[in-house]
Each structure stands twice: as C-alpha cells, then as structure tokens.
Amino acid sequence: MQLSFQLVKRYGDAGAEEVRRISRPEPGSVRVSVAGVELFDGWQLLAGGRLVFDEAPPIGAAVRAGYAFDVPVRFASDRLDVSLSGVRSGEAPSVPLVEVRE
C-alpha cells in the first residue's frame, strides 16, 4: 500500500502526455481527494511536493490534488534593454525568461 505520492501536473492527450513534477506547490492552496471525496486532514505536504497520508488510500482509489504552484525561472540573457524616455518613467517591453527544470 502506498502512503507517499509526488505531486505532478499532466499536459496533453493520453498518447502524447507530458508529466511535470511539481516541487514548489503553494502550501495553503493544496486540496486533496481520494475516490472523489475531499480530505481535510489525514495527510501532509512535505518539501519538494510530496504528499504523505497517515493511512494508505485503498488500492485502486483515485488520489487527486489541486494546487497553485511556482515555476523556477531565470533570465534568458545577461543583458536587459531598458528605455528611460521620460522623467521618472521607464520601459522594459520584453523580459525573456527560461524555465529551470529541477
């Protein structure tokens, strides 16, 4: 019986599905259900996006979670072009970012 589950986000169709491991969920946003019934206790969220139950869910029961999460990113370049065309105003029309995969 399984007590621990990694949070993931699934994208795409069954044949071409992409699975993203979620390591930075916003703790206050996490909601958990087992077999379609929301659980308000009996589980905890550990660092790295691991969900651990006090008692294992029944075998074959769907374990689902809803949550907001953060995605680590970095600047795509070492330089940022900024225009200071007016007094006390600035413009940075595009700030390219790249996702950092963990």
PDB file of N, CA and C in Angstrom:
ATOM      1  N   MET A   1       0.850  -1.175   0.000  1.00  0.00           N
ATOM      2  CA  MET A   1       0.000   0.000   0.000  1.00  0.00           C
ATOM      3  C   MET A   1       0.899   1.244   0.000  1.00  0.00           C
ATOM      4  N   GLN A   2       0.484   2.233  -0.754  1.00  0.00           N
ATOM      5  CA  GLN A   2       1.300   3.429  -0.944  1.00  0.00           C
ATOM      6  C   GLN A   2       0.840   4.561  -0.027  1.00  0.00           C
ATOM      7  N   LEU A   3       1.786   5.137   0.722  1.00  0.00           N
ATOM      8  CA  LEU A   3       1.496   6.254   1.619  1.00  0.00           C
ATOM      9  C   LEU A   3       1.928   7.597   1.040  1.00  0.00           C
ATOM     10  N   SER A   4       2.895   7.588   0.124  1.00  0.00           N
ATOM     11  CA  SER A   4       3.514   8.814  -0.364  1.00  0.00           C
ATOM     12  C   SER A   4       3.311   8.975  -1.874  1.00  0.00           C
ATOM     13  N   PHE A   5       2.994  10.198  -2.299  1.00  0.00           N
ATOM     14  CA  PHE A   5       2.751  10.498  -3.710  1.00  0.00           C
ATOM     15  C   PHE A   5       3.450  11.805  -4.070  1.00  0.00           C
ATOM     16  N   GLN A   6       4.099  11.852  -5.217  1.00  0.00           N
ATOM     17  CA  GLN A   6       4.701  13.079  -5.725  1.00  0.00           C
ATOM     18  C   GLN A   6       3.639  13.862  -6.487  1.00  0.00           C
ATOM     19  N   LEU A   7       3.525  15.162  -6.217  1.00  0.00           N
ATOM     20  CA  LEU A   7       2.600  15.987  -6.979  1.00  0.00           C
ATOM     21  C   LEU A   7       3.119  16.136  -8.402  1.00  0.00           C
ATOM     22  N   VAL A   8       2.229  15.984  -9.376  1.00  0.00           N
ATOM     23  CA  VAL A   8       2.574  16.150 -10.789  1.00  0.00           C
ATOM     24  C   VAL A   8       1.464  16.912 -11.483  1.00  0.00           C
ATOM     25  N   LYS A   9       1.800  17.490 -12.629  1.00  0.00           N
ATOM     26  CA  LYS A   9       0.837  18.159 -13.498  1.00  0.00           C
ATOM     27  C   LYS A   9       0.938  17.472 -14.848  1.00  0.00           C
ATOM     28  N   ARG A  10      -0.211  17.075 -15.404  1.00  0.00           N
ATOM     29  CA  ARG A  10      -0.234  16.381 -16.692  1.00  0.00           C
ATOM     30  C   ARG A  10      -0.763  17.315 -17.772  1.00  0.00           C
ATOM     31  N   TYR A  11      -0.095  17.298 -18.932  1.00  0.00           N
ATOM     32  CA  TYR A  11      -0.488  18.118 -20.072  1.00  0.00           C
ATOM     33  C   TYR A  11      -0.664  17.206 -21.285  1.00  0.00           C
ATOM     34  N   GLY A  12      -1.602  17.558 -22.167  1.00  0.00           N
ATOM     35  CA  GLY A  12      -1.750  16.840 -23.421  1.00  0.00           C
ATOM     36  C   GLY A  12      -2.712  15.684 -23.341  1.00  0.00           C
ATOM     37  N   ASP A  13      -2.772  14.942 -24.440  1.00  0.00           N
ATOM     38  CA  ASP A  13      -3.654  13.777 -24.564  1.00  0.00           C
ATOM     39  C   ASP A  13      -2.944  12.518 -24.084  1.00  0.00           C
ATOM     40  N   ALA A  14      -3.719  11.469 -23.900  1.00  0.00           N
ATOM     41  CA  ALA A  14      -3.182  10.219 -23.368  1.00  0.00           C
ATOM     42  C   ALA A  14      -2.007   9.691 -24.187  1.00  0.00           C
ATOM     43  N   GLY A  15      -2.043   9.804 -25.516  1.00  0.00           N
ATOM     44  CA  GLY A  15      -0.966   9.282 -26.353  1.00  0.00           C
ATOM     45  C   GLY A  15       0.284  10.134 -26.331  1.00  0.00           C
ATOM     46  N   ALA A  16       0.125  11.454 -26.118  1.00  0.00           N
ATOM     47  CA  ALA A  16       1.266  12.377 -26.151  1.00  0.00           C
ATOM     48  C   ALA A  16       1.315  13.196 -24.872  1.00  0.00           C
ATOM     49  N   GLU A  17       1.089  12.537 -23.760  1.00  0.00           N
ATOM     50  CA  GLU A  17       1.008  13.230 -22.481  1.00  0.00           C
ATOM     51  C   GLU A  17       2.391  13.605 -21.941  1.00  0.00           C
ATOM     52  N   GLU A  18       2.498  14.813 -21.407  1.00  0.00           N
ATOM     53  CA  GLU A  18       3.717  15.253 -20.738  1.00  0.00           C
ATOM     54  C   GLU A  18       3.399  15.356 -19.247  1.00  0.00           C
ATOM     55  N   VAL A  19       4.305  14.869 -18.419  1.00  0.00           N
ATOM     56  CA  VAL A  19       4.121  14.906 -16.968  1.00  0.00           C
ATOM     57  C   VAL A  19       5.214  15.777 -16.372  1.00  0.00           C
ATOM     58  N   ARG A  20       4.793  16.796 -15.628  1.00  0.00           N
ATOM     59  CA  ARG A  20       5.728  17.709 -14.961  1.00  0.00           C
ATOM     60  C   ARG A  20       5.695  17.436 -13.462  1.00  0.00           C
ATOM     61  N   ARG A  21       6.840  17.210 -12.871  1.00  0.00           N
ATOM     62  CA  ARG A  21       6.946  17.030 -11.425  1.00  0.00           C
ATOM     63  C   ARG A  21       6.814  18.406 -10.778  1.00  0.00           C
ATOM     64  N   ILE A  22       5.945  18.520  -9.790  1.00  0.00           N
ATOM     65  CA  ILE A  22       5.728  19.786  -9.094  1.00  0.00           C
ATOM     66  C   ILE A  22       6.489  19.747  -7.774  1.00  0.00           C
ATOM     67  N   SER A  23       7.513  20.605  -7.675  1.00  0.00           N
ATOM     68  CA  SER A  23       8.343  20.607  -6.469  1.00  0.00           C
ATOM     69  C   SER A  23       8.092  21.821  -5.590  1.00  0.00           C
ATOM     70  N   ARG A  24       7.319  22.808  -6.113  1.00  0.00           N
ATOM     71  CA  ARG A  24       7.086  24.040  -5.352  1.00  0.00           C
ATOM     72  C   ARG A  24       5.608  24.419  -5.306  1.00  0.00           C
ATOM     73  N   PRO A  25       4.763  23.544  -4.735  1.00  0.00           N
ATOM     74  CA  PRO A  25       3.360  23.935  -4.601  1.00  0.00           C
ATOM     75  C   PRO A  25       3.221  25.013  -3.526  1.00  0.00           C
ATOM     76  N   GLU A  26       2.209  25.855  -3.668  1.00  0.00           N
ATOM     77  CA  GLU A  26       1.917  26.835  -2.626  1.00  0.00           C
ATOM     78  C   GLU A  26       1.152  26.090  -1.529  1.00  0.00           C
ATOM     79  N   PRO A  27       1.755  25.930  -0.350  1.00  0.00           N
ATOM     80  CA  PRO A  27       1.182  25.073   0.689  1.00  0.00           C
ATOM     81  C   PRO A  27      -0.283  25.352   1.030  1.00  0.00           C
ATOM     82  N   GLY A  28      -0.684  26.598   1.141  1.00  0.00           N
ATOM     83  CA  GLY A  28      -2.059  26.909   1.512  1.00  0.00           C
ATOM     84  C   GLY A  28      -3.078  26.635   0.426  1.00  0.00           C
ATOM     85  N   SER A  29      -2.621  26.325  -0.777  1.00  0.00           N
ATOM     86  CA  SER A  29      -3.543  26.114  -1.899  1.00  0.00           C
ATOM     87  C   SER A  29      -3.862  24.639  -2.147  1.00  0.00           C
ATOM     88  N   VAL A  30      -3.163  23.727  -1.491  1.00  0.00           N
ATOM     89  CA  VAL A  30      -3.295  22.302  -1.791  1.00  0.00           C
ATOM     90  C   VAL A  30      -4.597  21.731  -1.227  1.00  0.00           C
ATOM     91  N   ARG A  31      -5.349  21.074  -2.125  1.00  0.00           N
ATOM     92  CA  ARG A  31      -6.578  20.359  -1.742  1.00  0.00           C
ATOM     93  C   ARG A  31      -6.442  18.929  -2.258  1.00  0.00           C
ATOM     94  N   VAL A  32      -6.820  17.957  -1.434  1.00  0.00           N
ATOM     95  CA  VAL A  32      -6.597  16.547  -1.746  1.00  0.00           C
ATOM     96  C   VAL A  32      -7.914  15.786  -1.698  1.00  0.00           C
ATOM     97  N   SER A  33      -8.064  14.835  -2.645  1.00  0.00           N
ATOM     98  CA  SER A  33      -9.234  13.951  -2.604  1.00  0.00           C
ATOM     99  C   SER A  33      -8.797  12.514  -2.873  1.00  0.00           C
ATOM    100  N   VAL A  34      -9.550  11.584  -2.296  1.00  0.00           N
ATOM    101  CA  VAL A  34      -9.367  10.153  -2.548  1.00  0.00           C
ATOM    102  C   VAL A  34     -10.721   9.599  -2.944  1.00  0.00           C
ATOM    103  N   ALA A  35     -10.768   8.950  -4.099  1.00  0.00           N
ATOM    104  CA  ALA A  35     -12.011   8.379  -4.639  1.00  0.00           C
ATOM    105  C   ALA A  35     -13.112   9.435  -4.731  1.00  0.00           C
ATOM    106  N   GLY A  36     -12.713  10.673  -5.085  1.00  0.00           N
ATOM    107  CA  GLY A  36     -13.682  11.745  -5.276  1.00  0.00           C
ATOM    108  C   GLY A  36     -14.152  12.443  -4.024  1.00  0.00           C
ATOM    109  N   VAL A  37     -13.633  12.073  -2.857  1.00  0.00           N
ATOM    110  CA  VAL A  37     -14.032  12.683  -1.585  1.00  0.00           C
ATOM    111  C   VAL A  37     -12.880  13.534  -1.068  1.00  0.00           C
ATOM    112  N   GLU A  38     -13.133  14.840  -0.871  1.00  0.00           N
ATOM    113  CA  GLU A  38     -12.074  15.726  -0.397  1.00  0.00           C
ATOM    114  C   GLU A  38     -11.719  15.404   1.055  1.00  0.00           C
ATOM    115  N   LEU A  39     -10.404  15.380   1.312  1.00  0.00           N
ATOM    116  CA  LEU A  39      -9.895  15.123   2.660  1.00  0.00           C
ATOM    117  C   LEU A  39      -9.360  16.421   3.242  1.00  0.00           C
ATOM    118  N   PHE A  40      -9.782  16.736   4.461  1.00  0.00           N
ATOM    119  CA  PHE A  40      -9.331  17.961   5.114  1.00  0.00           C
ATOM    120  C   PHE A  40      -8.221  17.683   6.125  1.00  0.00           C
ATOM    121  N   ASP A  41      -8.014  16.413   6.436  1.00  0.00           N
ATOM    122  CA  ASP A  41      -6.919  16.025   7.318  1.00  0.00           C
ATOM    123  C   ASP A  41      -6.511  14.602   6.969  1.00  0.00           C
ATOM    124  N   GLY A  42      -5.515  14.075   7.675  1.00  0.00           N
ATOM    125  CA  GLY A  42      -5.041  12.720   7.389  1.00  0.00           C
ATOM    126  C   GLY A  42      -3.934  12.683   6.347  1.00  0.00           C
ATOM    127  N   TRP A  43      -3.442  13.851   5.978  1.00  0.00           N
ATOM    128  CA  TRP A  43      -2.332  13.940   5.014  1.00  0.00           C
ATOM    129  C   TRP A  43      -1.501  15.167   5.335  1.00  0.00           C
ATOM    130  N   GLN A  44      -0.284  15.175   4.828  1.00  0.00           N
ATOM    131  CA  GLN A  44       0.576  16.344   4.986  1.00  0.00           C
ATOM    132  C   GLN A  44       1.413  16.535   3.731  1.00  0.00           C
ATOM    133  N   LEU A  45       1.808  17.770   3.511  1.00  0.00           N
ATOM    134  CA  LEU A  45       2.628  18.131   2.365  1.00  0.00           C
ATOM    135  C   LEU A  45       4.064  18.310   2.844  1.00  0.00           C
ATOM    136  N   LEU A  46       4.981  17.546   2.237  1.00  0.00           N
ATOM    137  CA  LEU A  46       6.394  17.637   2.587  1.00  0.00           C
ATOM    138  C   LEU A  46       7.136  18.485   1.562  1.00  0.00           C
ATOM    139  N   ALA A  47       8.351  18.863   1.909  1.00  0.00           N
ATOM    140  CA  ALA A  47       9.189  19.642   0.997  1.00  0.00           C
ATOM    141  C   ALA A  47       9.360  18.883  -0.320  1.00  0.00           C
ATOM    142  N   GLY A  48       9.442  19.628  -1.405  1.00  0.00           N
ATOM    143  CA  GLY A  48       9.641  19.013  -2.708  1.00  0.00           C
ATOM    144  C   GLY A  48       8.360  18.547  -3.366  1.00  0.00           C
ATOM    145  N   GLY A  49       7.204  18.846  -2.754  1.00  0.00           N
ATOM    146  CA  GLY A  49       5.928  18.477  -3.363  1.00  0.00           C
ATOM    147  C   GLY A  49       5.489  17.044  -3.127  1.00  0.00           C
ATOM    148  N   ARG A  50       5.912  16.448  -2.011  1.00  0.00           N
ATOM    149  CA  ARG A  50       5.479  15.083  -1.676  1.00  0.00           C
ATOM    150  C   ARG A  50       4.281  15.144  -0.748  1.00  0.00           C
ATOM    151  N   LEU A  51       3.272  14.373  -1.098  1.00  0.00           N
ATOM    152  CA  LEU A  51       2.048  14.259  -0.316  1.00  0.00           C
ATOM    153  C   LEU A  51       2.113  12.927   0.430  1.00  0.00           C
ATOM    154  N   VAL A  52       1.965  12.968   1.761  1.00  0.00           N
ATOM    155  CA  VAL A  52       2.061  11.749   2.565  1.00  0.00           C
ATOM    156  C   VAL A  52       0.780  11.595   3.379  1.00  0.00           C
ATOM    157  N   PHE A  53       0.196  10.407   3.301  1.00  0.00           N
ATOM    158  CA  PHE A  53      -1.031  10.091   4.038  1.00  0.00           C
ATOM    159  C   PHE A  53      -0.703   9.411   5.354  1.00  0.00           C
ATOM    160  N   ASP A  54      -1.537   9.646   6.363  1.00  0.00           N
ATOM    161  CA  ASP A  54      -1.406   8.947   7.644  1.00  0.00           C
ATOM    162  C   ASP A  54      -1.718   7.465   7.460  1.00  0.00           C
ATOM    163  N   GLU A  55      -2.734   7.171   6.631  1.00  0.00           N
ATOM    164  CA  GLU A  55      -3.110   5.796   6.293  1.00  0.00           C
ATOM    165  C   GLU A  55      -3.186   5.699   4.776  1.00  0.00           C
ATOM    166  N   ALA A  56      -2.731   4.607   4.225  1.00  0.00           N
ATOM    167  CA  ALA A  56      -2.713   4.434   2.773  1.00  0.00           C
ATOM    168  C   ALA A  56      -4.128   4.450   2.203  1.00  0.00           C
ATOM    169  N   PRO A  57      -4.330   5.141   1.088  1.00  0.00           N
ATOM    170  CA  PRO A  57      -5.627   5.099   0.413  1.00  0.00           C
ATOM    171  C   PRO A  57      -5.903   3.678  -0.090  1.00  0.00           C
ATOM    172  N   PRO A  58      -7.158   3.316  -0.271  1.00  0.00           N
ATOM    173  CA  PRO A  58      -7.472   1.983  -0.788  1.00  0.00           C
ATOM    174  C   PRO A  58      -6.811   1.750  -2.145  1.00  0.00           C
ATOM    175  N   ILE A  59      -6.399   0.536  -2.394  1.00  0.00           N
ATOM    176  CA  ILE A  59      -5.781   0.191  -3.673  1.00  0.00           C
ATOM    177  C   ILE A  59      -6.777   0.463  -4.800  1.00  0.00           C
ATOM    178  N   GLY A  60      -6.319   1.143  -5.825  1.00  0.00           N
ATOM    179  CA  GLY A  60      -7.157   1.456  -6.985  1.00  0.00           C
ATOM    180  C   GLY A  60      -7.955   2.746  -6.859  1.00  0.00           C
ATOM    181  N   ALA A  61      -7.983   3.359  -5.662  1.00  0.00           N
ATOM    182  CA  ALA A  61      -8.719   4.614  -5.478  1.00  0.00           C
ATOM    183  C   ALA A  61      -7.952   5.753  -6.135  1.00  0.00           C
ATOM    184  N   ALA A  62      -8.657   6.632  -6.821  1.00  0.00           N
ATOM    185  CA  ALA A  62      -8.023   7.786  -7.462  1.00  0.00           C
ATOM    186  C   ALA A  62      -7.600   8.794  -6.397  1.00  0.00           C
ATOM    187  N   VAL A  63      -6.312   9.118  -6.396  1.00  0.00           N
ATOM    188  CA  VAL A  63      -5.774  10.135  -5.497  1.00  0.00           C
ATOM    189  C   VAL A  63      -5.512  11.365  -6.353  1.00  0.00           C
ATOM    190  N   ARG A  64      -6.169  12.469  -6.021  1.00  0.00           N
ATOM    191  CA  ARG A  64      -6.030  13.693  -6.810  1.00  0.00           C
ATOM    192  C   ARG A  64      -5.721  14.869  -5.896  1.00  0.00           C
ATOM    193  N   ALA A  65      -5.074  15.871  -6.487  1.00  0.00           N
ATOM    194  CA  ALA A  65      -4.767  17.092  -5.736  1.00  0.00           C
ATOM    195  C   ALA A  65      -4.920  18.286  -6.660  1.00  0.00           C
ATOM    196  N   GLY A  66      -5.419  19.370  -6.106  1.00  0.00           N
ATOM    197  CA  GLY A  66      -5.485  20.637  -6.815  1.00  0.00           C
ATOM    198  C   GLY A  66      -4.628  21.630  -6.053  1.00  0.00           C
ATOM    199  N   TYR A  67      -3.907  22.488  -6.775  1.00  0.00           N
ATOM    200  CA  TYR A  67      -2.984  23.390  -6.099  1.00  0.00           C
ATOM    201  C   TYR A  67      -2.480  24.442  -7.071  1.00  0.00           C
ATOM    202  N   ALA A  68      -2.002  25.534  -6.521  1.00  0.00           N
ATOM    203  CA  ALA A  68      -1.237  26.524  -7.284  1.00  0.00           C
ATOM    204  C   ALA A  68       0.226  26.173  -7.052  1.00  0.00           C
ATOM    205  N   PHE A  69       1.075  26.490  -8.036  1.00  0.00           N
ATOM    206  CA  PHE A  69       2.485  26.177  -7.862  1.00  0.00           C
ATOM    207  C   PHE A  69       3.369  27.226  -8.527  1.00  0.00           C
ATOM    208  N   ASP A  70       4.587  27.316  -8.034  1.00  0.00           N
ATOM    209  CA  ASP A  70       5.577  28.233  -8.586  1.00  0.00           C
ATOM    210  C   ASP A  70       6.489  27.472  -9.534  1.00  0.00           C
ATOM    211  N   VAL A  71       6.960  28.171 -10.562  1.00  0.00           N
ATOM    212  CA  VAL A  71       7.878  27.588 -11.528  1.00  0.00           C
ATOM    213  C   VAL A  71       9.182  28.389 -11.464  1.00  0.00           C
ATOM    214  N   PRO A  72      10.304  27.741 -11.143  1.00  0.00           N
ATOM    215  CA  PRO A  72      11.571  28.476 -11.109  1.00  0.00           C
ATOM    216  C   PRO A  72      11.994  28.875 -12.522  1.00  0.00           C
ATOM    217  N   VAL A  73      12.432  30.119 -12.665  1.00  0.00           N
ATOM    218  CA  VAL A  73      12.883  30.622 -13.960  1.00  0.00           C
ATOM    219  C   VAL A  73      14.173  31.426 -13.762  1.00  0.00           C
ATOM    220  N   ARG A  74      14.822  31.707 -14.877  1.00  0.00           N
ATOM    221  CA  ARG A  74      15.991  32.583 -14.889  1.00  0.00           C
ATOM    222  C   ARG A  74      15.852  33.491 -16.098  1.00  0.00           C
ATOM    223  N   PHE A  75      16.598  34.584 -16.099  1.00  0.00           N
ATOM    224  CA  PHE A  75      16.604  35.457 -17.261  1.00  0.00           C
ATOM    225  C   PHE A  75      17.257  34.720 -18.419  1.00  0.00           C
ATOM    226  N   ALA A  76      16.738  34.915 -19.622  1.00  0.00           N
ATOM    227  CA  ALA A  76      17.254  34.236 -20.805  1.00  0.00           C
ATOM    228  C   ALA A  76      18.569  34.833 -21.288  1.00  0.00           C
ATOM    229  N   SER A  77      18.866  36.056 -20.912  1.00  0.00           N
ATOM    230  CA  SER A  77      20.127  36.682 -21.324  1.00  0.00           C
ATOM    231  C   SER A  77      20.731  37.444 -20.151  1.00  0.00           C
ATOM    232  N   ASP A  78      21.981  37.821 -20.322  1.00  0.00           N
ATOM    233  CA  ASP A  78      22.687  38.544 -19.265  1.00  0.00           C
ATOM    234  C   ASP A  78      22.448  40.040 -19.331  1.00  0.00           C
ATOM    235  N   ARG A  79      21.700  40.485 -20.319  1.00  0.00           N
ATOM    236  CA  ARG A  79      21.507  41.912 -20.532  1.00  0.00           C
ATOM    237  C   ARG A  79      20.030  42.225 -20.696  1.00  0.00           C
ATOM    238  N   LEU A  80      19.618  43.373 -20.194  1.00  0.00           N
ATOM    239  CA  LEU A  80      18.234  43.816 -20.281  1.00  0.00           C
ATOM    240  C   LEU A  80      18.209  45.195 -20.928  1.00  0.00           C
ATOM    241  N   ASP A  81      17.492  45.345 -22.042  1.00  0.00           N
ATOM    242  CA  ASP A  81      17.388  46.637 -22.716  1.00  0.00           C
ATOM    243  C   ASP A  81      16.229  47.425 -22.113  1.00  0.00           C
ATOM    244  N   VAL A  82      16.548  48.586 -21.535  1.00  0.00           N
ATOM    245  CA  VAL A  82      15.552  49.425 -20.877  1.00  0.00           C
ATOM    246  C   VAL A  82      15.628  50.822 -21.470  1.00  0.00           C
ATOM    247  N   SER A  83      14.461  51.418 -21.698  1.00  0.00           N
ATOM    248  CA  SER A  83      14.403  52.771 -22.240  1.00  0.00           C
ATOM    249  C   SER A  83      13.907  53.718 -21.156  1.00  0.00           C
ATOM    250  N   LEU A  84      14.641  54.794 -20.923  1.00  0.00           N
ATOM    251  CA  LEU A  84      14.217  55.821 -19.977  1.00  0.00           C
ATOM    252  C   LEU A  84      13.850  57.065 -20.787  1.00  0.00           C
ATOM    253  N   SER A  85      12.735  56.975 -21.499  1.00  0.00           N
ATOM    254  CA  SER A  85      12.347  58.029 -22.435  1.00  0.00           C
ATOM    255  C   SER A  85      11.728  59.252 -21.779  1.00  0.00           C
ATOM    256  N   GLY A  86      11.246  59.163 -20.593  1.00  0.00           N
ATOM    257  CA  GLY A  86      10.622  60.305 -19.926  1.00  0.00           C
ATOM    258  C   GLY A  86      11.086  60.415 -18.490  1.00  0.00           C
ATOM    259  N   VAL A  87      10.734  61.499 -17.864  1.00  0.00           N
ATOM    260  CA  VAL A  87      11.102  61.717 -16.469  1.00  0.00           C
ATOM    261  C   VAL A  87      10.353  60.718 -15.592  1.00  0.00           C
ATOM    262  N   ARG A  88      11.089  60.030 -14.738  1.00  0.00           N
ATOM    263  CA  ARG A  88      10.521  59.056 -13.790  1.00  0.00           C
ATOM    264  C   ARG A  88       9.670  57.993 -14.454  1.00  0.00           C
ATOM    265  N   SER A  89       9.985  57.661 -15.698  1.00  0.00           N
ATOM    266  CA  SER A  89       9.274  56.558 -16.351  1.00  0.00           C
ATOM    267  C   SER A  89      10.301  55.683 -17.050  1.00  0.00           C
ATOM    268  N   GLY A  90       9.992  54.464 -17.176  1.00  0.00           N
ATOM    269  CA  GLY A  90      10.880  53.525 -17.852  1.00  0.00           C
ATOM    270  C   GLY A  90      10.058  52.502 -18.596  1.00  0.00           C
ATOM    271  N   GLU A  91      10.717  51.800 -19.483  1.00  0.00           N
ATOM    272  CA  GLU A  91      10.008  50.811 -20.274  1.00  0.00           C
ATOM    273  C   GLU A  91      10.910  49.606 -20.481  1.00  0.00           C
ATOM    274  N   ALA A  92      10.420  48.457 -20.172  1.00  0.00           N
ATOM    275  CA  ALA A  92      11.101  47.189 -20.444  1.00  0.00           C
ATOM    276  C   ALA A  92      10.073  46.312 -21.145  1.00  0.00           C
ATOM    277  N   PRO A  93       9.918  46.453 -22.452  1.00  0.00           N
ATOM    278  CA  PRO A  93       8.826  45.813 -23.171  1.00  0.00           C
ATOM    279  C   PRO A  93       8.850  44.293 -23.152  1.00  0.00           C
ATOM    280  N   SER A  94      10.026  43.701 -23.026  1.00  0.00           N
ATOM    281  CA  SER A  94      10.096  42.249 -23.068  1.00  0.00           C
ATOM    282  C   SER A  94      11.211  41.766 -22.144  1.00  0.00           C
ATOM    283  N   VAL A  95      10.856  40.882 -21.270  1.00  0.00           N
ATOM    284  CA  VAL A  95      11.863  40.280 -20.376  1.00  0.00           C
ATOM    285  C   VAL A  95      11.803  38.774 -20.607  1.00  0.00           C
ATOM    286  N   PRO A  96      12.668  38.251 -21.482  1.00  0.00           N
ATOM    287  CA  PRO A  96      12.622  36.833 -21.783  1.00  0.00           C
ATOM    288  C   PRO A  96      13.113  35.978 -20.605  1.00  0.00           C
ATOM    289  N   LEU A  97      12.339  34.958 -20.274  1.00  0.00           N
ATOM    290  CA  LEU A  97      12.664  34.050 -19.175  1.00  0.00           C
ATOM    291  C   LEU A  97      12.761  32.623 -19.709  1.00  0.00           C
ATOM    292  N   VAL A  98      13.518  31.800 -18.996  1.00  0.00           N
ATOM    293  CA  VAL A  98      13.681  30.390 -19.337  1.00  0.00           C
ATOM    294  C   VAL A  98      13.360  29.583 -18.085  1.00  0.00           C
ATOM    295  N   GLU A  99      12.538  28.565 -18.235  1.00  0.00           N
ATOM    296  CA  GLU A  99      12.207  27.703 -17.100  1.00  0.00           C
ATOM    297  C   GLU A  99      13.425  26.884 -16.692  1.00  0.00           C
ATOM    298  N   VAL A 100      13.641  26.777 -15.383  1.00  0.00           N
ATOM    299  CA  VAL A 100      14.717  25.976 -14.847  1.00  0.00           C
ATOM    300  C   VAL A 100      14.112  24.638 -14.424  1.00  0.00           C
ATOM    301  N   ARG A 101      14.441  23.580 -15.147  1.00  0.00           N
ATOM    302  CA  ARG A 101      13.918  22.250 -14.802  1.00  0.00           C
ATOM    303  C   ARG A 101      14.722  21.669 -13.653  1.00  0.00           C
ATOM    304  N   GLU A 102      14.013  21.151 -12.662  1.00  0.00           N
ATOM    305  CA  GLU A 102      14.689  20.596 -11.486  1.00  0.00           C
ATOM    306  C   GLU A 102      14.791  19.101 -11.604  1.00  0.00           C
TER     307      GLU A 102
END
